[in-house]
């Protein structure tokens, strides 16, 4: 017995690759919360209800592994937290978790704000900028400083930024069942990605070797990773393990937060009333000063903007798993080897959980609303034991950057552009987001 669905294996592949968001919207609209699909030779179960998501991400967590798309990412991330499995993943998470305790991450707040203020200080009144590109540059500086205490400017910044862009371009081939084949072809994007990995590896291994040689200790994440010891066996991470975790944090911490911020500015630029409330809070709380970690609880509207941005345009727009042993989902048997697919894009636009789901309404994110919202109806950072370890870091970074930049600037969309979501490894704005800046 299988759930309702359809078996058009090759047309499904083409439809998913052509427009995965519209394809999943059609599947959810036609079949509801549970659907059986087939992508080529691969059976896939699509789930779209918080209770079913709990079965996938929590109940059966040990019986599922990461999906085929992330299999192809292991040549970049190795056995980092994003791609590792089982006991090894649990050990690595235990080693890394202390680096992301609230007290630790709040130590990065001042540097984040300083970088954001410097970036905003270079803009000119009336200038038109691609705010997506600007947020990529800014979050790159922040993740490099947080990871390595490295100030990536000028040539270094361009080199690292180009390497990261090349990796993202290559990963854009991955979504869908044919991603593994496409990644093996001698395509220009794949060759650029190989060179990019070599560039980043050279940087990361050099930094690791320097720290090992000098014994220098610091408060950046690299120092914490090198010093981490397992409480059970006292062991730490070798150079390859540190490298894998650094690459994961470097790429994930840079890309996803930048996209969330780009979408936030895009939404504020189109909604003057929401932007006015956003600016009112910043002016009231901060006055003429820059924000800090102590201001986070008071910057409620900034957090609401960030939450609503990640609802409408979740940087991680879908999650896939592969079944290791037979399970049941929603009472239906799912065989070993089948795929399981769920999508933040669909769940976050569901009218059962979000009134007027297509509208930008930051004010919906009250404490009462969040308490009533079913768990896993909103999951921008995933869920269950594998929820993103950097979630607290990302929330802090997003809120502080919005407040810092919002102190000085208002934005309106530049005319003549069509901004669309581009769903590949993350949900980027296709062709960027050009905004006209107005100094406040």
Foldseek 3Di string as FASTA:
>chain_A
DAAAADEPADVLQVVCLVPVLVSVVVRCVVRNAWYWYHHVPFIEIEGFDLVLLCCDFAVCVQQWAFDPLCVLVCVQLPQALVHNDDPVNVQNCLLQLVCLDPVLLLVLFVVLLVLLLVLLVPDDAQDKDQLLVSLLLSLLQSLCCQAQVDRQDDPSSVLLSQLLVLLVVLLLQRPGDCSVVSLPDPDPSNVSNVVSSVVLVVVLLVSLVVCVVVVDADSHSLNSQQPGAGPPPRDHDDSVHSSSNSSVCSNVSSQQLSQLLLLLLVQCQVPVVLLVVLLVQLCVPAPPHADGPVCVVSSLSLLLSSQLSCLQFQFQFKTKIFGQAWDDRPNHIDHHGHMYMYTSNVLSQDCVLDPVSNDRDSVCPDPVSVVPGPPPSHQSQRDHPSRPSCVVSSSSSSSSSCSSSSNFWRKHFDPDDDWDFDDGNTTHTVPGTMITIHTD
